[in-house]
N, C-alpha and C. Protein backbone atom coordinates (compact mmCIF):
# COMPACT_ATOMS: atom_id res chain seq x y z
N MET A 1 -66.49 -125.08 -57.40
CA MET A 1 -66.83 -123.67 -57.53
C MET A 1 -67.47 -123.45 -58.89
N LYS A 2 -68.57 -122.74 -58.90
CA LYS A 2 -69.21 -122.42 -60.17
C LYS A 2 -68.65 -121.11 -60.66
N PHE A 3 -68.21 -121.11 -61.89
CA PHE A 3 -67.65 -119.90 -62.49
C PHE A 3 -68.76 -119.14 -63.20
N SER A 4 -68.63 -117.83 -63.27
CA SER A 4 -69.56 -117.05 -64.08
C SER A 4 -69.28 -117.36 -65.54
N ARG A 5 -70.11 -116.84 -66.42
CA ARG A 5 -69.92 -117.13 -67.85
C ARG A 5 -68.54 -116.74 -68.33
N GLY A 6 -68.06 -115.56 -67.93
CA GLY A 6 -66.74 -115.12 -68.34
C GLY A 6 -65.66 -116.03 -67.81
N ASN A 7 -65.78 -116.41 -66.55
CA ASN A 7 -64.78 -117.30 -65.96
C ASN A 7 -64.88 -118.71 -66.52
N ALA A 8 -66.06 -119.14 -66.89
CA ALA A 8 -66.22 -120.47 -67.48
C ALA A 8 -65.49 -120.54 -68.81
N SER A 9 -65.55 -119.47 -69.59
CA SER A 9 -64.83 -119.49 -70.86
C SER A 9 -63.32 -119.50 -70.62
N LEU A 10 -62.86 -118.82 -69.58
CA LEU A 10 -61.44 -118.87 -69.25
C LEU A 10 -61.05 -120.29 -68.83
N ARG A 11 -61.95 -120.97 -68.15
CA ARG A 11 -61.68 -122.34 -67.70
C ARG A 11 -61.63 -123.29 -68.91
N THR A 12 -62.58 -123.15 -69.83
CA THR A 12 -62.62 -124.07 -70.97
C THR A 12 -61.51 -123.80 -71.96
N THR A 13 -61.03 -122.57 -72.04
CA THR A 13 -59.93 -122.27 -72.95
C THR A 13 -58.57 -122.57 -72.34
N GLY A 14 -58.56 -122.91 -71.05
CA GLY A 14 -57.31 -123.28 -70.41
C GLY A 14 -56.55 -122.13 -69.77
N VAL A 15 -57.15 -120.94 -69.73
CA VAL A 15 -56.45 -119.78 -69.17
C VAL A 15 -56.21 -119.99 -67.68
N TYR A 16 -57.23 -120.45 -66.95
CA TYR A 16 -57.04 -120.68 -65.52
C TYR A 16 -56.02 -121.78 -65.26
N ASP A 17 -56.04 -122.81 -66.07
CA ASP A 17 -55.05 -123.89 -65.90
C ASP A 17 -53.64 -123.34 -66.13
N ALA A 18 -53.49 -122.47 -67.12
CA ALA A 18 -52.19 -121.87 -67.39
C ALA A 18 -51.74 -120.99 -66.23
N MET A 19 -52.69 -120.23 -65.67
CA MET A 19 -52.34 -119.38 -64.53
C MET A 19 -51.97 -120.22 -63.32
N ALA A 20 -52.66 -121.34 -63.14
CA ALA A 20 -52.41 -122.20 -61.98
C ALA A 20 -51.03 -122.86 -62.06
N THR A 21 -50.55 -123.10 -63.27
CA THR A 21 -49.23 -123.73 -63.42
C THR A 21 -48.11 -122.70 -63.51
N SER A 22 -48.46 -121.44 -63.54
CA SER A 22 -47.45 -120.38 -63.57
C SER A 22 -47.03 -120.05 -62.14
N PRO A 23 -46.07 -119.16 -61.97
CA PRO A 23 -45.65 -118.77 -60.62
C PRO A 23 -46.67 -117.90 -59.88
N LEU A 24 -47.82 -117.61 -60.49
CA LEU A 24 -48.85 -116.81 -59.82
C LEU A 24 -49.45 -117.59 -58.65
N SER A 25 -49.68 -116.90 -57.56
CA SER A 25 -50.39 -117.53 -56.44
C SER A 25 -51.89 -117.39 -56.68
N VAL A 26 -52.68 -118.15 -55.96
CA VAL A 26 -54.13 -118.05 -56.07
C VAL A 26 -54.59 -116.65 -55.68
N GLY A 27 -53.97 -116.07 -54.67
CA GLY A 27 -54.31 -114.72 -54.27
C GLY A 27 -54.07 -113.70 -55.38
N GLU A 28 -52.99 -113.89 -56.13
CA GLU A 28 -52.70 -112.99 -57.25
C GLU A 28 -53.71 -113.17 -58.39
N ILE A 29 -54.13 -114.40 -58.62
CA ILE A 29 -55.15 -114.65 -59.64
C ILE A 29 -56.46 -113.97 -59.25
N VAL A 30 -56.87 -114.15 -57.99
CA VAL A 30 -58.10 -113.52 -57.51
C VAL A 30 -57.96 -112.00 -57.56
N GLY A 31 -56.81 -111.48 -57.16
CA GLY A 31 -56.59 -110.04 -57.21
C GLY A 31 -56.70 -109.49 -58.62
N GLY A 32 -56.14 -110.21 -59.58
CA GLY A 32 -56.23 -109.80 -60.97
C GLY A 32 -57.67 -109.80 -61.48
N GLU A 33 -58.42 -110.85 -61.10
CA GLU A 33 -59.83 -110.92 -61.49
C GLU A 33 -60.62 -109.76 -60.88
N LEU A 34 -60.39 -109.50 -59.60
CA LEU A 34 -61.09 -108.40 -58.94
C LEU A 34 -60.73 -107.06 -59.56
N LEU A 35 -59.45 -106.86 -59.89
CA LEU A 35 -59.02 -105.62 -60.52
C LEU A 35 -59.67 -105.44 -61.89
N TRP A 36 -59.75 -106.54 -62.66
CA TRP A 36 -60.38 -106.45 -63.97
C TRP A 36 -61.87 -106.14 -63.83
N GLU A 37 -62.57 -106.81 -62.93
CA GLU A 37 -64.00 -106.55 -62.74
C GLU A 37 -64.24 -105.13 -62.26
N ALA A 38 -63.38 -104.63 -61.38
CA ALA A 38 -63.51 -103.25 -60.90
C ALA A 38 -63.29 -102.26 -62.05
N THR A 39 -62.31 -102.54 -62.91
CA THR A 39 -62.04 -101.67 -64.05
C THR A 39 -63.24 -101.63 -64.99
N ARG A 40 -63.80 -102.79 -65.29
CA ARG A 40 -65.00 -102.84 -66.15
C ARG A 40 -66.15 -102.08 -65.52
N SER A 41 -66.34 -102.25 -64.22
CA SER A 41 -67.43 -101.57 -63.53
C SER A 41 -67.27 -100.06 -63.58
N VAL A 42 -66.06 -99.59 -63.37
CA VAL A 42 -65.81 -98.14 -63.41
C VAL A 42 -66.06 -97.60 -64.82
N LEU A 43 -65.61 -98.32 -65.83
CA LEU A 43 -65.84 -97.87 -67.21
C LEU A 43 -67.33 -97.79 -67.52
N TYR A 44 -68.09 -98.81 -67.16
CA TYR A 44 -69.53 -98.79 -67.39
C TYR A 44 -70.18 -97.69 -66.57
N GLY A 45 -69.73 -97.49 -65.36
CA GLY A 45 -70.27 -96.42 -64.52
C GLY A 45 -70.00 -95.05 -65.10
N LEU A 46 -68.82 -94.86 -65.68
CA LEU A 46 -68.50 -93.57 -66.30
C LEU A 46 -69.36 -93.32 -67.54
N ILE A 47 -69.66 -94.37 -68.28
CA ILE A 47 -70.55 -94.22 -69.43
C ILE A 47 -71.94 -93.79 -68.95
N PHE A 48 -72.43 -94.45 -67.91
CA PHE A 48 -73.73 -94.12 -67.34
C PHE A 48 -73.73 -92.68 -66.82
N LEU A 49 -72.67 -92.28 -66.13
CA LEU A 49 -72.55 -90.93 -65.61
C LEU A 49 -72.51 -89.90 -66.74
N SER A 50 -71.85 -90.23 -67.82
CA SER A 50 -71.80 -89.32 -68.97
C SER A 50 -73.19 -89.07 -69.54
N VAL A 51 -73.99 -90.12 -69.62
CA VAL A 51 -75.36 -89.97 -70.12
C VAL A 51 -76.16 -89.09 -69.17
N LEU A 52 -76.02 -89.32 -67.86
CA LEU A 52 -76.71 -88.47 -66.88
C LEU A 52 -76.29 -87.01 -67.05
N ALA A 53 -75.00 -86.77 -67.24
CA ALA A 53 -74.50 -85.41 -67.40
C ALA A 53 -75.03 -84.77 -68.69
N LEU A 54 -75.13 -85.54 -69.77
CA LEU A 54 -75.67 -85.01 -71.02
C LEU A 54 -77.11 -84.55 -70.87
N PHE A 55 -77.88 -85.22 -70.02
CA PHE A 55 -79.26 -84.84 -69.77
C PHE A 55 -79.39 -83.78 -68.68
N GLY A 56 -78.25 -83.34 -68.14
CA GLY A 56 -78.28 -82.29 -67.13
C GLY A 56 -78.75 -82.76 -65.77
N LEU A 57 -78.61 -84.03 -65.47
CA LEU A 57 -79.11 -84.58 -64.21
C LEU A 57 -78.07 -84.61 -63.11
N VAL A 58 -76.86 -84.18 -63.39
CA VAL A 58 -75.80 -84.17 -62.38
C VAL A 58 -75.71 -82.74 -61.84
N ARG A 59 -75.99 -82.57 -60.55
CA ARG A 59 -76.02 -81.24 -59.96
C ARG A 59 -74.86 -80.96 -59.01
N SER A 60 -73.94 -81.90 -58.89
CA SER A 60 -72.86 -81.72 -57.93
C SER A 60 -71.57 -82.30 -58.48
N ALA A 61 -70.46 -81.64 -58.18
CA ALA A 61 -69.16 -82.16 -58.60
C ALA A 61 -68.75 -83.38 -57.79
N TRP A 62 -69.41 -83.60 -56.64
CA TRP A 62 -69.10 -84.78 -55.80
C TRP A 62 -69.38 -86.08 -56.53
N VAL A 63 -70.21 -86.04 -57.54
CA VAL A 63 -70.55 -87.25 -58.26
C VAL A 63 -69.32 -87.85 -58.94
N LEU A 64 -68.30 -87.05 -59.16
CA LEU A 64 -67.07 -87.57 -59.78
C LEU A 64 -66.37 -88.58 -58.87
N ALA A 65 -66.67 -88.54 -57.58
CA ALA A 65 -66.10 -89.50 -56.65
C ALA A 65 -66.90 -90.80 -56.63
N LEU A 66 -68.01 -90.84 -57.31
CA LEU A 66 -68.91 -91.99 -57.28
C LEU A 66 -68.46 -93.03 -58.30
N HIS A 67 -68.29 -94.24 -57.86
CA HIS A 67 -67.96 -95.35 -58.76
C HIS A 67 -69.09 -96.36 -58.67
N GLU A 68 -69.77 -96.56 -59.78
CA GLU A 68 -70.91 -97.46 -59.80
C GLU A 68 -70.42 -98.87 -60.14
N HIS A 69 -70.72 -99.82 -59.28
CA HIS A 69 -70.27 -101.20 -59.48
C HIS A 69 -71.44 -102.17 -59.58
N LEU A 70 -72.57 -101.71 -60.07
CA LEU A 70 -73.75 -102.56 -60.02
C LEU A 70 -74.20 -103.08 -61.37
N PHE A 71 -73.44 -102.87 -62.43
CA PHE A 71 -73.94 -103.17 -63.75
C PHE A 71 -73.76 -104.61 -64.19
N PHE A 72 -73.04 -105.43 -63.43
CA PHE A 72 -72.77 -106.77 -63.89
C PHE A 72 -73.54 -107.85 -63.15
N TYR A 73 -73.85 -107.63 -61.90
CA TYR A 73 -74.31 -108.72 -61.07
C TYR A 73 -75.78 -108.60 -60.71
N PHE A 74 -76.63 -108.47 -61.73
CA PHE A 74 -78.07 -108.43 -61.50
C PHE A 74 -78.55 -109.87 -61.38
N THR A 75 -78.25 -110.46 -60.29
CA THR A 75 -78.60 -111.85 -60.05
C THR A 75 -79.82 -111.91 -59.15
N LEU A 76 -80.08 -113.07 -58.67
CA LEU A 76 -81.22 -113.28 -57.79
C LEU A 76 -81.13 -112.42 -56.54
N ALA A 77 -79.95 -112.11 -56.09
CA ALA A 77 -79.79 -111.31 -54.87
C ALA A 77 -79.92 -109.82 -55.13
N ILE A 78 -79.35 -109.33 -56.21
CA ILE A 78 -79.29 -107.88 -56.42
C ILE A 78 -80.61 -107.33 -56.95
N THR A 79 -81.27 -108.02 -57.84
CA THR A 79 -82.52 -107.50 -58.39
C THR A 79 -83.56 -107.25 -57.31
N PRO A 80 -83.82 -108.19 -56.39
CA PRO A 80 -84.78 -107.88 -55.31
C PRO A 80 -84.30 -106.76 -54.39
N MET A 81 -82.98 -106.62 -54.22
CA MET A 81 -82.49 -105.54 -53.37
C MET A 81 -82.88 -104.18 -53.92
N PHE A 82 -82.99 -104.05 -55.24
CA PHE A 82 -83.40 -102.78 -55.82
C PHE A 82 -84.79 -102.38 -55.35
N MET A 83 -85.65 -103.36 -55.20
CA MET A 83 -87.01 -103.05 -54.78
C MET A 83 -87.06 -102.55 -53.33
N PHE A 84 -86.10 -102.97 -52.52
CA PHE A 84 -86.14 -102.65 -51.09
C PHE A 84 -84.99 -101.78 -50.62
N SER A 85 -84.27 -101.16 -51.52
CA SER A 85 -83.08 -100.41 -51.11
C SER A 85 -83.30 -98.90 -51.02
N GLY A 86 -84.50 -98.47 -51.31
CA GLY A 86 -84.77 -97.04 -51.29
C GLY A 86 -84.63 -96.38 -52.64
N VAL A 87 -84.41 -97.16 -53.68
CA VAL A 87 -84.31 -96.60 -55.03
C VAL A 87 -85.69 -96.14 -55.49
N PHE A 88 -86.69 -96.98 -55.31
CA PHE A 88 -88.03 -96.70 -55.83
C PHE A 88 -89.01 -96.27 -54.75
N PHE A 89 -88.84 -96.77 -53.53
CA PHE A 89 -89.77 -96.49 -52.45
C PHE A 89 -88.99 -96.04 -51.22
N PRO A 90 -89.51 -95.09 -50.46
CA PRO A 90 -88.81 -94.65 -49.24
C PRO A 90 -88.74 -95.79 -48.21
N VAL A 91 -87.57 -96.02 -47.69
CA VAL A 91 -87.36 -97.10 -46.72
C VAL A 91 -88.17 -96.85 -45.46
N GLU A 92 -88.30 -95.59 -45.06
CA GLU A 92 -89.00 -95.26 -43.83
C GLU A 92 -90.48 -95.63 -43.87
N ARG A 93 -91.05 -95.75 -45.05
CA ARG A 93 -92.48 -96.07 -45.18
C ARG A 93 -92.75 -97.57 -45.31
N MET A 94 -91.71 -98.37 -45.24
CA MET A 94 -91.89 -99.82 -45.34
C MET A 94 -92.45 -100.35 -44.02
N PRO A 95 -93.25 -101.41 -44.09
CA PRO A 95 -93.92 -101.90 -42.88
C PRO A 95 -93.01 -102.72 -41.97
N GLY A 96 -93.38 -102.73 -40.68
CA GLY A 96 -92.76 -103.58 -39.67
C GLY A 96 -91.25 -103.47 -39.57
N PRO A 97 -90.59 -104.62 -39.43
CA PRO A 97 -89.13 -104.63 -39.26
C PRO A 97 -88.36 -104.52 -40.57
N LEU A 98 -89.06 -104.38 -41.69
CA LEU A 98 -88.39 -104.34 -42.99
C LEU A 98 -87.34 -103.23 -43.11
N PRO A 99 -87.57 -102.01 -42.59
CA PRO A 99 -86.52 -101.00 -42.69
C PRO A 99 -85.20 -101.41 -42.03
N ARG A 100 -85.26 -102.13 -40.93
CA ARG A 100 -84.02 -102.59 -40.28
C ARG A 100 -83.28 -103.58 -41.17
N VAL A 101 -84.02 -104.48 -41.79
CA VAL A 101 -83.41 -105.47 -42.68
C VAL A 101 -82.79 -104.76 -43.89
N VAL A 102 -83.53 -103.81 -44.46
CA VAL A 102 -83.05 -103.08 -45.64
C VAL A 102 -81.76 -102.34 -45.32
N LYS A 103 -81.68 -101.74 -44.14
CA LYS A 103 -80.49 -100.96 -43.79
C LYS A 103 -79.26 -101.83 -43.57
N ALA A 104 -79.42 -103.14 -43.51
CA ALA A 104 -78.28 -104.05 -43.41
C ALA A 104 -77.77 -104.45 -44.80
N LEU A 105 -78.56 -104.20 -45.83
CA LEU A 105 -78.17 -104.58 -47.19
C LEU A 105 -77.17 -103.58 -47.76
N PRO A 106 -76.21 -104.05 -48.52
CA PRO A 106 -75.20 -103.13 -49.07
C PRO A 106 -75.78 -102.12 -50.06
N LEU A 107 -76.76 -102.52 -50.83
CA LEU A 107 -77.29 -101.63 -51.85
C LEU A 107 -77.96 -100.40 -51.25
N TYR A 108 -78.55 -100.53 -50.08
CA TYR A 108 -79.15 -99.38 -49.40
C TYR A 108 -78.09 -98.30 -49.18
N HIS A 109 -76.92 -98.71 -48.73
CA HIS A 109 -75.84 -97.76 -48.44
C HIS A 109 -75.28 -97.15 -49.73
N VAL A 110 -75.21 -97.94 -50.79
CA VAL A 110 -74.76 -97.41 -52.08
C VAL A 110 -75.76 -96.36 -52.59
N VAL A 111 -77.05 -96.66 -52.45
CA VAL A 111 -78.08 -95.72 -52.89
C VAL A 111 -78.00 -94.42 -52.10
N GLU A 112 -77.84 -94.53 -50.79
CA GLU A 112 -77.75 -93.32 -49.97
C GLU A 112 -76.52 -92.48 -50.32
N LEU A 113 -75.38 -93.14 -50.56
CA LEU A 113 -74.18 -92.42 -50.96
C LEU A 113 -74.36 -91.76 -52.33
N ALA A 114 -74.90 -92.51 -53.27
CA ALA A 114 -75.11 -91.97 -54.62
C ALA A 114 -76.06 -90.79 -54.57
N ARG A 115 -77.14 -90.92 -53.83
CA ARG A 115 -78.11 -89.83 -53.71
C ARG A 115 -77.44 -88.59 -53.12
N SER A 116 -76.64 -88.80 -52.11
CA SER A 116 -75.96 -87.68 -51.45
C SER A 116 -74.98 -87.00 -52.39
N LEU A 117 -74.21 -87.79 -53.13
CA LEU A 117 -73.20 -87.22 -54.03
C LEU A 117 -73.82 -86.54 -55.24
N VAL A 118 -74.86 -87.14 -55.81
CA VAL A 118 -75.48 -86.57 -57.00
C VAL A 118 -76.24 -85.29 -56.67
N LEU A 119 -76.95 -85.27 -55.53
CA LEU A 119 -77.75 -84.11 -55.17
C LEU A 119 -76.96 -83.04 -54.44
N GLY A 120 -75.69 -83.30 -54.15
CA GLY A 120 -74.85 -82.28 -53.54
C GLY A 120 -75.01 -82.14 -52.05
N GLY A 121 -75.53 -83.14 -51.40
CA GLY A 121 -75.74 -83.05 -49.96
C GLY A 121 -74.79 -83.92 -49.17
N ALA A 122 -73.56 -84.06 -49.62
CA ALA A 122 -72.59 -84.92 -48.92
C ALA A 122 -72.39 -84.39 -47.50
N SER A 123 -72.39 -85.33 -46.53
CA SER A 123 -72.25 -84.94 -45.14
C SER A 123 -71.40 -85.96 -44.40
N ALA A 124 -71.13 -85.68 -43.15
CA ALA A 124 -70.36 -86.60 -42.32
C ALA A 124 -71.12 -87.91 -42.10
N GLY A 125 -72.44 -87.88 -42.19
CA GLY A 125 -73.25 -89.09 -42.05
C GLY A 125 -72.97 -90.11 -43.14
N ASP A 126 -72.44 -89.64 -44.26
CA ASP A 126 -72.11 -90.56 -45.35
C ASP A 126 -70.95 -91.48 -44.98
N LEU A 127 -70.18 -91.09 -44.00
CA LEU A 127 -69.08 -91.95 -43.55
C LEU A 127 -69.59 -93.25 -42.96
N ILE A 128 -70.77 -93.24 -42.36
CA ILE A 128 -71.38 -94.46 -41.84
C ILE A 128 -71.68 -95.42 -42.99
N HIS A 129 -72.27 -94.87 -44.05
CA HIS A 129 -72.56 -95.71 -45.23
C HIS A 129 -71.28 -96.25 -45.84
N LEU A 130 -70.28 -95.40 -45.95
CA LEU A 130 -69.00 -95.81 -46.52
C LEU A 130 -68.33 -96.87 -45.65
N GLY A 131 -68.38 -96.70 -44.34
CA GLY A 131 -67.80 -97.68 -43.41
C GLY A 131 -68.48 -99.03 -43.49
N TRP A 132 -69.81 -99.03 -43.58
CA TRP A 132 -70.56 -100.29 -43.69
C TRP A 132 -70.20 -101.00 -44.99
N LEU A 133 -70.09 -100.24 -46.09
CA LEU A 133 -69.70 -100.85 -47.36
C LEU A 133 -68.29 -101.42 -47.30
N LEU A 134 -67.38 -100.71 -46.65
CA LEU A 134 -66.01 -101.19 -46.49
C LEU A 134 -65.98 -102.48 -45.67
N LEU A 135 -66.75 -102.52 -44.61
CA LEU A 135 -66.82 -103.73 -43.77
C LEU A 135 -67.36 -104.92 -44.56
N LEU A 136 -68.43 -104.72 -45.33
CA LEU A 136 -68.98 -105.81 -46.14
C LEU A 136 -68.01 -106.25 -47.23
N THR A 137 -67.28 -105.29 -47.80
CA THR A 137 -66.29 -105.63 -48.83
C THR A 137 -65.18 -106.48 -48.25
N LEU A 138 -64.67 -106.09 -47.10
CA LEU A 138 -63.60 -106.87 -46.47
C LEU A 138 -64.07 -108.27 -46.12
N ALA A 139 -65.31 -108.39 -45.66
CA ALA A 139 -65.86 -109.71 -45.34
C ALA A 139 -65.99 -110.56 -46.61
N ALA A 140 -66.40 -109.94 -47.71
CA ALA A 140 -66.56 -110.68 -48.97
C ALA A 140 -65.22 -111.07 -49.59
N LEU A 141 -64.17 -110.33 -49.32
CA LEU A 141 -62.86 -110.65 -49.89
C LEU A 141 -62.25 -111.92 -49.29
N ALA A 142 -62.77 -112.37 -48.17
CA ALA A 142 -62.25 -113.59 -47.55
C ALA A 142 -62.71 -114.84 -48.30
N LEU A 143 -63.69 -114.74 -49.16
CA LEU A 143 -64.25 -115.91 -49.84
C LEU A 143 -63.53 -116.38 -51.10
N PRO A 144 -63.12 -115.51 -52.02
CA PRO A 144 -62.68 -116.01 -53.32
C PRO A 144 -61.40 -116.82 -53.32
N VAL A 145 -60.45 -116.49 -52.49
CA VAL A 145 -59.17 -117.22 -52.52
C VAL A 145 -59.36 -118.70 -52.18
N PRO A 146 -60.00 -119.06 -51.06
CA PRO A 146 -60.18 -120.49 -50.80
C PRO A 146 -61.06 -121.19 -51.84
N LEU A 147 -62.07 -120.50 -52.35
CA LEU A 147 -62.94 -121.12 -53.35
C LEU A 147 -62.20 -121.38 -54.66
N LEU A 148 -61.41 -120.41 -55.10
CA LEU A 148 -60.64 -120.60 -56.34
C LEU A 148 -59.56 -121.66 -56.13
N ARG A 149 -58.91 -121.66 -54.97
CA ARG A 149 -57.89 -122.66 -54.69
C ARG A 149 -58.50 -124.07 -54.78
N ARG A 150 -59.69 -124.24 -54.19
CA ARG A 150 -60.36 -125.55 -54.23
C ARG A 150 -60.73 -125.92 -55.66
N ALA A 151 -61.23 -124.95 -56.45
CA ALA A 151 -61.62 -125.23 -57.82
C ALA A 151 -60.42 -125.59 -58.69
N LEU A 152 -59.29 -124.94 -58.48
CA LEU A 152 -58.11 -125.22 -59.29
C LEU A 152 -57.46 -126.54 -58.91
N ASN A 153 -57.67 -126.99 -57.70
CA ASN A 153 -57.07 -128.25 -57.26
C ASN A 153 -57.85 -129.48 -57.73
N ARG A 154 -59.00 -129.26 -58.34
CA ARG A 154 -59.80 -130.41 -58.84
C ARG A 154 -59.20 -131.02 -60.05
């Protein structure tokens, strides 16, 4: 398993080895990592939201329910998703089957939810976006425990 930079430093300093020899299960280690990353994401998102509010760009109280989790993982997958998620260009104007592909990406649903919450147009249709994000999150949560277990057993 390849660790991110933060996790690599934990590996080289022996933190992961210490956790592996403690009574913590691999699931608890992964849960702690996910909780820490979520906490960092919420803090960075609140800072970003504060700047938006200072410039008067927040027009709805619904935005307080918005948690931005996109500030850490601008990798090969996320950066191209920005170009095709409806942030810069309308999805409906994209050629051929591209709109169908875009609507399967998680960032499209985050953009639609954020747009709805910031502009004050929250509706029942947002539940579809929220449901799709929940489904993708649950699918992604199945990966880290076996991967970390394999990495710690090396």
